[in-house]
């Protein structure tokens, strides 16, 4: 829907301008790795805690690890697409009227 909104409001900017704004990498590689690895580590910690709390009983079972990779990738590509609307369109428009702190608060809510 973000692309539809941008396409319907050509006076506000082109699709190529939108793409360059949304897909512009502003941080260094360690920041992106941190953002990806922290949820993985927290998830693994939760699994380890559940395993320990159940005493490794038969009722607690691990799925094959190889399923993690396609599930992780699908959650990024299919679960995170709405981010284009929030960060790509809404944040840009709200930042025209408010400072950075207020913009992040509004978009975050």
Foldseek 3Di string as FASTA:
>chain_A
DLQVVCVVPPVVHHPVVLCCVVPPDDDDPVVVCCVVVVVVVVVVVVLVVVCVVVVVDPVDDDDPPVVVVVVVVCCVVPVVPCVCVLVRPQLVVVVVPDPPVVSCVVSVD
